[in-house]
C-alpha cells in the first residue's frame, strides 16, 4: 500500500483526478474501456469535478457506484445526485455511461442481483473493475461495509443490501467485487479520521476497511498520521 500526503483536501482531490485521468487514458489505450467505481463524500465530489476537466477518452469511460443509500431519485442523501452534479455538469461524459444502483426498486435483493448483472456486462465475468475509489468512515467502514452488519460476511455476491445504517438501508459492492479490482484508490481527508487511517495502514482486520486488499492500493490523504 502506497501513501501520499498533501496539505489539504483540495490538493488531495486534484491529485486523485490527475491519477484517475492517467489511468483512464492508459486503460482505454490498452483494452478500449475504463470502468471505475466511485464512492460518495465532499472531497470525492471535488475530485470528480476536477476529473471532468481532464483530457480523457470520455466515450470509453464508464462509472459505476460503490454504494448507494435507499432513497428517492434526486434526494440529497443519494450519492447519485451528487455524482451527476459533479461529473455530468463538468465533463463531456454521457449520462448513459453512469450506471446507477437501482435502489428505488421495491425488491432490493433482486435489484442487487440486477446490478451485479450490469457489472458483468461492462466489466466481464466475474467483473473486474479497473479502479475502485473508496473513502473511510470514523467507525472504520468503507463503501457501505459497516461494522457488525451481515453484509460483511457476503462472499458469494458482488452486490448486496445492508441493514439500517444511519437511518437508511444501502446497496453496496461487497468484498469480493472490491478486492477483485485492478486498482484501489483511497481518498481520506478530515482530522477526525486519523485514528482509522492508522488502523487501515496497519492492516487492522477488526475494522471493515481493514479487509480490503493492500495490493495495488494507494492512499491520498491530508492527514499527517
Protein backbone atom coordinates (compact mmCIF):
# COMPACT_ATOMS: atom_id res chain seq x y z
CA UNK A 1 0.00 0.00 0.00
CA UNK A 2 1.41 3.37 -1.06
CA UNK A 3 0.55 6.60 0.75
CA UNK A 4 0.82 10.19 -0.43
CA UNK A 5 0.20 13.06 1.99
CA UNK A 6 -0.94 16.52 0.86
CA UNK A 7 -1.53 19.85 2.57
CA UNK A 8 -5.30 19.94 2.23
CA UNK A 9 -8.38 18.33 0.72
CA UNK A 10 -8.17 20.43 -2.44
CA UNK A 11 -4.73 19.06 -3.22
CA UNK A 12 -5.92 15.52 -2.49
CA UNK A 13 -8.89 15.93 -4.85
CA UNK A 14 -6.76 17.39 -7.64
CA UNK A 15 -4.12 14.67 -7.38
CA UNK A 16 -6.81 11.98 -7.38
CA UNK A 17 -8.33 13.49 -10.52
CA UNK A 18 -4.95 13.59 -12.23
CA UNK A 19 -4.19 9.97 -11.35
CA UNK A 20 -7.60 8.71 -12.46
CA UNK A 21 -7.29 10.56 -15.75
CA UNK A 22 -3.91 8.98 -16.46
CA UNK A 23 -5.27 5.57 -15.58
CA UNK A 24 -8.28 6.11 -17.84
CA UNK A 25 -6.10 7.07 -20.81
CA UNK A 26 -3.77 4.11 -20.32
CA UNK A 27 -6.57 1.59 -19.77
CA UNK A 28 -8.60 2.72 -22.78
CA UNK A 29 -5.48 2.56 -24.94
CA UNK A 30 -4.80 -0.97 -23.72
CA UNK A 31 -8.25 -2.51 -23.76
CA UNK A 32 -10.75 0.00 -25.10
CA UNK A 33 -12.74 0.72 -21.94
CA UNK A 34 -12.19 2.12 -18.44
CA UNK A 35 -14.63 1.13 -15.69
CA UNK A 36 -14.36 2.95 -12.38
CA UNK A 37 -16.45 2.65 -9.23
CA UNK A 38 -16.87 5.75 -7.09
CA UNK A 39 -17.93 6.38 -3.50
CA UNK A 40 -19.59 9.46 -2.06
CA UNK A 41 -18.32 12.35 0.04
CA UNK A 42 -17.38 16.02 -0.13
CA UNK A 43 -13.78 15.51 -1.26
CA UNK A 44 -14.79 12.91 -3.88
CA UNK A 45 -17.24 15.36 -5.44
CA UNK A 46 -14.36 17.86 -5.67
CA UNK A 47 -12.27 15.07 -7.20
CA UNK A 48 -14.89 14.34 -9.85
CA UNK A 49 -15.29 18.00 -10.79
CA UNK A 50 -11.53 18.20 -11.30
CA UNK A 51 -11.54 14.89 -13.19
CA UNK A 52 -14.13 16.36 -15.52
CA UNK A 53 -11.61 18.94 -16.69
CA UNK A 54 -9.02 16.34 -17.62
CA UNK A 55 -8.27 15.17 -21.15
CA UNK A 56 -9.60 11.62 -21.25
CA UNK A 57 -11.43 9.50 -23.86
CA UNK A 58 -14.83 10.14 -22.28
CA UNK A 59 -16.80 7.96 -24.68
CA UNK A 60 -14.95 4.94 -23.29
CA UNK A 61 -15.26 5.80 -19.59
CA UNK A 62 -17.93 4.01 -17.55
CA UNK A 63 -18.79 4.96 -13.98
CA UNK A 64 -20.47 2.59 -11.54
CA UNK A 65 -21.36 3.10 -7.90
CA UNK A 66 -19.54 1.63 -4.93
CA UNK A 67 -22.63 2.09 -2.76
CA UNK A 68 -25.90 3.95 -2.52
CA UNK A 69 -28.49 4.84 0.10
CA UNK A 70 -32.03 3.63 -0.40
CA UNK A 71 -33.75 6.97 -1.02
CA UNK A 72 -35.90 8.57 -3.73
CA UNK A 73 -34.46 9.78 -7.02
CA UNK A 74 -32.84 13.20 -6.72
CA UNK A 75 -32.70 13.09 -2.91
CA UNK A 76 -29.68 14.78 -1.35
CA UNK A 77 -28.91 11.55 0.54
CA UNK A 78 -28.29 9.80 -2.76
CA UNK A 79 -24.68 9.56 -3.94
CA UNK A 80 -26.04 9.51 -7.49
CA UNK A 81 -27.47 13.01 -7.10
CA UNK A 82 -24.04 14.45 -6.30
CA UNK A 83 -22.26 12.19 -8.77
CA UNK A 84 -24.34 13.54 -11.63
CA UNK A 85 -23.95 17.13 -10.45
CA UNK A 86 -20.20 16.76 -10.04
CA UNK A 87 -19.39 14.86 -13.22
CA UNK A 88 -22.07 15.38 -15.85
CA UNK A 89 -22.10 19.15 -15.36
CA UNK A 90 -18.30 19.38 -15.53
CA UNK A 91 -17.33 16.90 -18.24
CA UNK A 92 -18.36 15.57 -21.68
CA UNK A 93 -19.31 12.21 -20.12
CA UNK A 94 -22.64 10.92 -21.39
CA UNK A 95 -25.30 10.22 -18.81
CA UNK A 96 -25.70 6.71 -20.20
CA UNK A 97 -22.11 5.95 -19.14
CA UNK A 98 -23.07 6.36 -15.49
CA UNK A 99 -24.65 3.17 -14.19
CA UNK A 100 -26.79 3.89 -11.10
CA UNK A 101 -27.59 1.36 -8.44
CA UNK A 102 -31.36 0.62 -8.68
CA UNK A 103 -32.21 1.44 -5.08
CA UNK A 104 -35.71 2.66 -5.91
CA UNK A 105 -36.83 -0.91 -6.58
CA UNK A 106 -39.40 -2.45 -4.27
CA UNK A 107 -37.41 -5.71 -4.33
CA UNK A 108 -33.93 -4.69 -3.23
CA UNK A 109 -32.47 -8.18 -3.31
CA UNK A 110 -33.48 -8.60 -6.94
CA UNK A 111 -32.19 -5.11 -7.64
CA UNK A 112 -28.80 -6.03 -6.19
CA UNK A 113 -28.69 -9.10 -8.44
CA UNK A 114 -29.62 -6.93 -11.42
CA UNK A 115 -26.77 -4.53 -10.65
CA UNK A 116 -24.35 -7.41 -10.42
CA UNK A 117 -25.53 -8.40 -13.90
CA UNK A 118 -24.85 -4.85 -15.10
CA UNK A 119 -21.31 -5.09 -13.76
CA UNK A 120 -20.77 -8.35 -15.64
CA UNK A 121 -21.94 -6.76 -18.89
CA UNK A 122 -19.47 -3.89 -18.69
CA UNK A 123 -16.58 -5.45 -16.72
CA UNK A 124 -16.60 -9.16 -17.54
CA UNK A 125 -17.47 -12.37 -15.69
CA UNK A 126 -16.60 -12.14 -12.91
CA UNK A 127 -16.49 -8.34 -13.17
CA UNK A 128 -13.02 -6.86 -12.74
CA UNK A 129 -13.25 -3.12 -12.20
CA UNK A 130 -10.30 -1.07 -13.38
CA UNK A 131 -10.49 1.23 -10.37
CA UNK A 132 -12.44 1.32 -7.13
CA UNK A 133 -12.39 4.62 -5.26
CA UNK A 134 -13.02 4.30 -1.53
CA UNK A 135 -13.44 6.54 1.48
CA UNK A 136 -13.05 5.80 5.18
CA UNK A 137 -15.57 6.41 7.95
CA UNK A 138 -14.80 7.36 11.53
CA UNK A 139 -16.14 3.93 12.55
CA UNK A 140 -13.84 2.15 10.11
CA UNK A 141 -16.43 1.47 7.43
CA UNK A 142 -15.77 1.78 3.72
CA UNK A 143 -18.28 1.54 0.88
CA UNK A 144 -21.36 0.52 2.89
CA UNK A 145 -19.45 -2.29 4.57
CA UNK A 146 -20.32 -1.18 8.06
CA UNK A 147 -19.40 -2.65 11.46
CA UNK A 148 -21.40 -5.68 12.59
CA UNK A 149 -23.64 -5.76 9.50
CA UNK A 150 -24.24 -9.21 7.95
CA UNK A 151 -23.11 -7.76 4.61
CA UNK A 152 -19.53 -8.16 5.85
CA UNK A 153 -19.94 -11.93 5.56
CA UNK A 154 -21.24 -11.96 1.98
CA UNK A 155 -18.71 -13.82 -0.14
CA UNK A 156 -20.86 -15.19 -2.96
CA UNK A 157 -22.35 -11.96 -4.36
CA UNK A 158 -20.76 -8.87 -5.86
CA UNK A 159 -23.60 -6.58 -4.74
CA UNK A 160 -25.62 -6.82 -1.53
CA UNK A 161 -28.09 -4.97 0.69
CA UNK A 162 -27.23 -3.79 4.19
CA UNK A 163 -29.38 -3.36 7.25
CA UNK A 164 -30.21 0.11 8.54
CA UNK A 165 -27.17 2.33 8.98
CA UNK A 166 -27.55 5.97 9.96
CA UNK A 167 -31.25 5.70 9.19
CA UNK A 168 -31.09 4.08 5.76
CA UNK A 169 -30.50 0.75 4.11
CA UNK A 170 -27.84 0.74 1.40
CA UNK A 171 -26.79 -1.19 -1.64
CA UNK A 172 -23.07 -1.86 -1.76
CA UNK A 173 -20.31 -3.62 -3.57
CA UNK A 174 -19.05 -6.49 -1.44
CA UNK A 175 -15.51 -7.51 -0.55
CA UNK A 176 -15.20 -9.93 -3.50
CA UNK A 177 -16.12 -7.24 -6.03
CA UNK A 178 -13.84 -4.61 -4.48
CA UNK A 179 -10.88 -6.91 -3.87
CA UNK A 180 -11.01 -8.15 -7.45
CA UNK A 181 -10.35 -4.64 -8.80
CA UNK A 182 -7.14 -3.82 -10.64
CA UNK A 183 -6.56 -0.71 -8.53
CA UNK A 184 -7.89 0.70 -5.25
CA UNK A 185 -7.73 4.44 -4.62
CA UNK A 186 -8.39 5.62 -1.06
CA UNK A 187 -9.26 9.31 -0.67
CA UNK A 188 -9.18 10.13 3.04
CA UNK A 189 -9.49 13.67 4.37
CA UNK A 190 -10.50 15.23 7.68
CA UNK A 191 -8.75 15.18 11.05
CA UNK A 192 -11.50 13.08 12.62
CA UNK A 193 -10.35 10.09 10.55
CA UNK A 194 -6.73 9.96 11.66
CA UNK A 195 -7.19 7.06 14.09
CA UNK A 196 -8.94 4.92 11.49
CA UNK A 197 -6.33 5.84 8.90
CA UNK A 198 -3.67 4.45 11.21
CA UNK A 199 -5.74 1.27 11.62
CA UNK A 200 -6.11 0.94 7.86
CA UNK A 201 -2.40 1.42 7.20
CA UNK A 202 -1.58 -1.15 9.87
CA UNK A 203 -3.92 -3.73 8.33
CA UNK A 204 -6.29 -3.82 11.30
CA UNK A 205 -8.80 -6.50 10.30
CA UNK A 206 -11.13 -5.56 13.17
CA UNK A 207 -12.46 -2.66 11.08
CA UNK A 208 -14.34 -3.26 7.82
CA UNK A 209 -11.87 -1.18 5.80
CA UNK A 210 -9.01 -3.35 7.05
CA UNK A 211 -10.27 -6.27 4.97
CA UNK A 212 -9.69 -4.51 1.67
CA UNK A 213 -6.59 -5.88 -0.04
CA UNK A 214 -3.49 -3.70 0.15
CA UNK A 215 -2.04 -4.87 -3.15
CA UNK A 216 -2.48 -2.25 -5.88
CA UNK A 217 -3.84 0.21 -3.29
CA UNK A 218 -2.93 3.88 -2.98
CA UNK A 219 -3.97 6.27 -0.20
CA UNK A 220 -4.21 10.01 -0.85
CA UNK A 221 -4.73 11.98 2.36
CA UNK A 222 -4.29 15.35 4.04
CA UNK A 223 -3.55 13.69 7.39
CA UNK A 224 -0.06 13.71 8.88
CA UNK A 225 -0.62 10.38 10.57
